[in-house]
N, C-alpha and C. Protein backbone atom coordinates (compact mmCIF):
# COMPACT_ATOMS: atom_id res chain seq x y z
N MET A 1 109.14 115.42 136.07
CA MET A 1 109.29 113.98 136.00
C MET A 1 110.22 113.66 134.83
N VAL A 2 111.21 112.87 135.11
CA VAL A 2 112.18 112.49 134.09
C VAL A 2 111.97 111.02 133.73
N SER A 3 111.97 110.77 132.45
CA SER A 3 111.79 109.39 131.97
C SER A 3 113.13 108.84 131.55
N SER A 4 113.32 107.58 131.84
CA SER A 4 114.57 106.94 131.43
C SER A 4 114.47 106.42 129.99
N GLY A 5 113.33 106.62 129.35
CA GLY A 5 113.16 106.18 127.96
C GLY A 5 113.03 104.68 127.87
N PHE A 6 113.53 104.16 126.79
CA PHE A 6 113.49 102.71 126.60
C PHE A 6 114.82 102.27 126.02
N ASP A 7 115.10 101.01 126.17
CA ASP A 7 116.38 100.47 125.73
C ASP A 7 116.15 99.36 124.73
N VAL A 8 116.71 99.54 123.55
CA VAL A 8 116.65 98.50 122.53
C VAL A 8 118.08 98.21 122.11
N THR A 9 118.43 96.96 122.11
CA THR A 9 119.78 96.60 121.70
C THR A 9 119.76 96.00 120.30
N GLU A 10 120.93 95.97 119.71
CA GLU A 10 121.07 95.36 118.39
C GLU A 10 120.60 93.91 118.42
N GLY A 11 120.93 93.21 119.51
CA GLY A 11 120.52 91.81 119.65
C GLY A 11 119.01 91.66 119.68
N ASN A 12 118.32 92.57 120.38
CA ASN A 12 116.86 92.52 120.43
C ASN A 12 116.26 92.69 119.04
N LEU A 13 116.78 93.65 118.30
CA LEU A 13 116.26 93.91 116.96
C LEU A 13 116.53 92.73 116.02
N THR A 14 117.71 92.16 116.12
CA THR A 14 118.06 91.02 115.27
C THR A 14 117.17 89.82 115.59
N THR A 15 116.95 89.57 116.87
CA THR A 15 116.09 88.46 117.29
C THR A 15 114.66 88.68 116.78
N PHE A 16 114.18 89.91 116.89
CA PHE A 16 112.82 90.21 116.43
C PHE A 16 112.71 90.05 114.92
N ALA A 17 113.72 90.48 114.18
CA ALA A 17 113.71 90.33 112.72
C ALA A 17 113.67 88.85 112.34
N LYS A 18 114.42 88.02 113.06
CA LYS A 18 114.40 86.58 112.79
C LYS A 18 113.03 85.99 113.09
N HIS A 19 112.40 86.47 114.17
CA HIS A 19 111.05 86.02 114.52
C HIS A 19 110.07 86.38 113.40
N LEU A 20 110.19 87.60 112.88
CA LEU A 20 109.31 88.02 111.79
C LEU A 20 109.55 87.18 110.53
N ASP A 21 110.81 86.85 110.25
CA ASP A 21 111.11 86.00 109.10
C ASP A 21 110.44 84.63 109.24
N GLN A 22 110.49 84.06 110.46
CA GLN A 22 109.87 82.76 110.69
C GLN A 22 108.35 82.86 110.57
N LEU A 23 107.79 83.93 111.10
CA LEU A 23 106.34 84.15 110.99
C LEU A 23 105.93 84.26 109.53
N GLU A 24 106.70 85.01 108.74
CA GLU A 24 106.40 85.13 107.31
C GLU A 24 106.42 83.76 106.64
N SER A 25 107.44 82.96 106.94
CA SER A 25 107.55 81.62 106.35
C SER A 25 106.35 80.76 106.72
N ASP A 26 105.97 80.80 107.99
CA ASP A 26 104.83 80.01 108.46
C ASP A 26 103.53 80.45 107.77
N LEU A 27 103.36 81.75 107.62
CA LEU A 27 102.16 82.26 106.95
C LEU A 27 102.11 81.84 105.48
N ARG A 28 103.26 81.91 104.81
CA ARG A 28 103.30 81.49 103.40
C ARG A 28 103.00 80.00 103.27
N ASN A 29 103.54 79.19 104.18
CA ASN A 29 103.25 77.75 104.15
C ASN A 29 101.77 77.48 104.39
N SER A 30 101.19 78.18 105.36
CA SER A 30 99.76 78.01 105.64
C SER A 30 98.92 78.45 104.44
N SER A 31 99.35 79.53 103.80
CA SER A 31 98.64 80.01 102.61
C SER A 31 98.66 78.95 101.51
N SER A 32 99.82 78.34 101.30
CA SER A 32 99.94 77.30 100.26
C SER A 32 99.03 76.11 100.57
N VAL A 33 99.02 75.71 101.84
CA VAL A 33 98.17 74.57 102.22
C VAL A 33 96.70 74.89 101.97
N LEU A 34 96.27 76.07 102.41
CA LEU A 34 94.86 76.44 102.22
C LEU A 34 94.49 76.52 100.74
N LYS A 35 95.38 77.08 99.93
CA LYS A 35 95.08 77.20 98.51
C LYS A 35 95.03 75.84 97.81
N SER A 36 95.71 74.86 98.38
CA SER A 36 95.73 73.54 97.73
C SER A 36 94.56 72.66 98.15
N ILE A 37 93.79 73.11 99.14
CA ILE A 37 92.65 72.31 99.59
C ILE A 37 91.52 72.43 98.57
N VAL A 38 91.11 71.31 98.08
CA VAL A 38 90.00 71.28 97.14
C VAL A 38 88.98 70.30 97.69
N GLY A 39 87.82 70.83 98.00
CA GLY A 39 86.75 69.97 98.49
C GLY A 39 86.17 69.18 97.32
N ASP A 40 86.24 67.89 97.41
CA ASP A 40 85.72 67.03 96.34
C ASP A 40 84.22 67.24 96.23
N PRO A 41 83.76 67.79 95.12
CA PRO A 41 82.33 68.07 94.98
C PRO A 41 81.45 66.82 95.10
N GLY A 42 82.00 65.65 94.80
CA GLY A 42 81.18 64.45 94.85
C GLY A 42 81.21 63.73 96.19
N ILE A 43 81.92 64.27 97.16
CA ILE A 43 82.10 63.55 98.43
C ILE A 43 80.78 63.37 99.19
N PHE A 44 79.88 64.31 99.07
CA PHE A 44 78.62 64.20 99.80
C PHE A 44 77.42 64.00 98.88
N GLY A 45 77.67 63.55 97.68
CA GLY A 45 76.57 63.34 96.74
C GLY A 45 76.20 64.63 96.03
N ILE A 46 75.03 64.60 95.41
CA ILE A 46 74.59 65.75 94.61
C ILE A 46 74.43 67.01 95.46
N VAL A 47 73.77 66.89 96.59
CA VAL A 47 73.56 68.06 97.46
C VAL A 47 74.90 68.54 98.02
N GLY A 48 75.79 67.61 98.32
CA GLY A 48 77.09 67.95 98.89
C GLY A 48 78.02 68.65 97.93
N GLN A 49 77.70 68.64 96.65
CA GLN A 49 78.56 69.35 95.70
C GLN A 49 78.66 70.83 96.05
N LEU A 50 77.59 71.38 96.59
CA LEU A 50 77.61 72.79 97.00
C LEU A 50 78.61 73.00 98.14
N PHE A 51 78.67 72.04 99.07
CA PHE A 51 79.60 72.16 100.20
C PHE A 51 81.05 72.12 99.71
N GLY A 52 81.34 71.19 98.82
CA GLY A 52 82.71 71.05 98.30
C GLY A 52 83.16 72.28 97.54
N ALA A 53 82.29 72.82 96.70
CA ALA A 53 82.63 74.02 95.92
C ALA A 53 82.83 75.21 96.86
N GLY A 54 81.94 75.35 97.83
CA GLY A 54 82.05 76.46 98.79
C GLY A 54 83.32 76.36 99.62
N ALA A 55 83.64 75.14 100.09
CA ALA A 55 84.85 74.94 100.90
C ALA A 55 86.09 75.30 100.10
N SER A 56 86.14 74.89 98.85
CA SER A 56 87.29 75.20 98.00
C SER A 56 87.45 76.71 97.83
N LYS A 57 86.33 77.38 97.61
CA LYS A 57 86.36 78.83 97.41
C LYS A 57 86.86 79.54 98.67
N TRP A 58 86.32 79.17 99.82
CA TRP A 58 86.70 79.84 101.07
C TRP A 58 88.14 79.54 101.45
N CYS A 59 88.60 78.34 101.20
CA CYS A 59 90.00 78.00 101.50
C CYS A 59 90.95 78.80 100.61
N ALA A 60 90.60 78.95 99.35
CA ALA A 60 91.43 79.73 98.43
C ALA A 60 91.49 81.20 98.87
N GLU A 61 90.35 81.75 99.27
CA GLU A 61 90.33 83.14 99.72
C GLU A 61 91.13 83.31 101.01
N ALA A 62 91.00 82.37 101.94
CA ALA A 62 91.77 82.44 103.18
C ALA A 62 93.26 82.35 102.88
N GLY A 63 93.62 81.50 101.92
CA GLY A 63 95.02 81.39 101.51
C GLY A 63 95.55 82.70 100.94
N ASP A 64 94.73 83.38 100.16
CA ASP A 64 95.12 84.68 99.61
C ASP A 64 95.34 85.70 100.72
N HIS A 65 94.46 85.71 101.70
CA HIS A 65 94.60 86.65 102.82
C HIS A 65 95.88 86.38 103.62
N LEU A 66 96.17 85.11 103.86
CA LEU A 66 97.40 84.78 104.58
C LEU A 66 98.62 85.18 103.76
N GLY A 67 98.56 85.03 102.46
CA GLY A 67 99.66 85.45 101.60
C GLY A 67 99.91 86.95 101.68
N LYS A 68 98.84 87.73 101.69
CA LYS A 68 98.96 89.19 101.81
C LYS A 68 99.51 89.57 103.18
N TYR A 69 99.08 88.87 104.21
CA TYR A 69 99.58 89.12 105.56
C TYR A 69 101.07 88.80 105.62
N ALA A 70 101.49 87.73 104.96
CA ALA A 70 102.91 87.36 104.92
C ALA A 70 103.73 88.47 104.25
N GLU A 71 103.20 89.08 103.21
CA GLU A 71 103.89 90.18 102.54
C GLU A 71 104.06 91.36 103.49
N THR A 72 103.04 91.66 104.28
CA THR A 72 103.12 92.74 105.25
C THR A 72 104.18 92.45 106.30
N VAL A 73 104.17 91.23 106.82
CA VAL A 73 105.17 90.83 107.82
C VAL A 73 106.57 90.91 107.23
N SER A 74 106.71 90.54 105.97
CA SER A 74 108.01 90.63 105.29
C SER A 74 108.51 92.07 105.28
N GLY A 75 107.62 93.00 105.04
CA GLY A 75 107.98 94.42 105.06
C GLY A 75 108.46 94.85 106.43
N PHE A 76 107.77 94.38 107.49
CA PHE A 76 108.18 94.70 108.85
C PHE A 76 109.57 94.13 109.13
N SER A 77 109.80 92.91 108.67
CA SER A 77 111.10 92.27 108.87
C SER A 77 112.20 93.05 108.16
N ASP A 78 111.94 93.47 106.93
CA ASP A 78 112.92 94.26 106.18
C ASP A 78 113.24 95.58 106.90
N GLU A 79 112.21 96.24 107.41
CA GLU A 79 112.41 97.50 108.12
C GLU A 79 113.19 97.30 109.42
N THR A 80 112.93 96.19 110.11
CA THR A 80 113.65 95.90 111.35
C THR A 80 115.12 95.61 111.04
N THR A 81 115.39 94.86 109.98
CA THR A 81 116.76 94.58 109.58
C THR A 81 117.48 95.87 109.19
N LEU A 82 116.79 96.77 108.52
CA LEU A 82 117.35 98.07 108.17
C LEU A 82 117.67 98.87 109.44
N ALA A 83 116.80 98.80 110.42
CA ALA A 83 117.05 99.50 111.69
C ALA A 83 118.31 98.97 112.36
N VAL A 84 118.53 97.65 112.30
CA VAL A 84 119.75 97.07 112.88
C VAL A 84 120.98 97.64 112.16
N LYS A 85 120.93 97.71 110.84
CA LYS A 85 122.07 98.24 110.08
C LYS A 85 122.32 99.70 110.42
N LYS A 86 121.25 100.49 110.55
CA LYS A 86 121.40 101.90 110.91
C LYS A 86 122.00 102.02 112.31
N TYR A 87 121.56 101.16 113.21
CA TYR A 87 122.08 101.15 114.58
C TYR A 87 123.57 100.85 114.56
N GLN A 88 123.97 99.83 113.78
CA GLN A 88 125.38 99.46 113.69
C GLN A 88 126.20 100.60 113.08
N ASN A 89 125.69 101.22 112.04
CA ASN A 89 126.40 102.34 111.41
C ASN A 89 126.52 103.52 112.37
N GLY A 90 125.47 103.78 113.14
CA GLY A 90 125.51 104.87 114.12
C GLY A 90 126.56 104.64 115.19
N GLU A 91 126.64 103.41 115.67
CA GLU A 91 127.66 103.09 116.67
C GLU A 91 129.06 103.24 116.09
N SER A 92 129.24 102.76 114.87
CA SER A 92 130.54 102.85 114.21
C SER A 92 130.93 104.31 114.01
N ASP A 93 129.97 105.13 113.59
CA ASP A 93 130.25 106.55 113.38
C ASP A 93 130.60 107.23 114.71
N ALA A 94 129.91 106.85 115.78
CA ALA A 94 130.20 107.45 117.10
C ALA A 94 131.60 107.05 117.57
N ILE A 95 131.97 105.81 117.36
CA ILE A 95 133.31 105.35 117.75
C ILE A 95 134.38 106.10 116.96
N ASP A 96 134.13 106.26 115.66
CA ASP A 96 135.08 107.01 114.83
C ASP A 96 135.20 108.46 115.28
N ALA A 97 134.08 109.08 115.59
CA ALA A 97 134.08 110.48 116.02
C ALA A 97 134.82 110.65 117.35
N ILE A 98 134.56 109.76 118.27
CA ILE A 98 135.22 109.85 119.58
C ILE A 98 136.72 109.58 119.42
N GLY A 99 137.06 108.61 118.58
CA GLY A 99 138.47 108.28 118.34
C GLY A 99 139.24 109.42 117.68
N SER A 100 138.56 110.20 116.87
CA SER A 100 139.23 111.28 116.16
C SER A 100 139.52 112.48 117.07
N VAL A 101 138.91 112.51 118.24
CA VAL A 101 139.14 113.61 119.18
C VAL A 101 140.53 113.49 119.77
N GLY A 102 141.07 112.27 119.87
CA GLY A 102 142.42 112.06 120.35
C GLY A 102 142.53 112.04 121.86
N LEU A 103 141.56 111.43 122.49
CA LEU A 103 141.60 111.36 123.96
C LEU A 103 142.65 110.41 124.44
C-alpha cells in the first residue's frame, strides 16, 4: 500500500500562524479582563463579602491560566512561522541547485 502523504503549502502555514497570533491576542485580552474583575466585597452585605473576595480570587487565577495558555500559543505561532521560513529557504535552495545543473 502506497500513501500519498500529506500536502502543506506555505500559504496554509502562514494562515495558521496568523490564526495562532489572533488566538494569542484574544487569550491575553481575556486574561486582562479576568484579572481586572474585582468583586465588591460590600455588594451583598456582610455575608456577601465572602462571595466578592472568592470571585476576585477565582477571576485572578483564571486570568493567570489564560495568560499561560497565551504564552504556549505564542510558542506554537513562533514555531509555525519558523517552519514557513524553513520551507521558503528549502524551495530557494532547490531552485538554486536545479538551476546550477544547467538544464
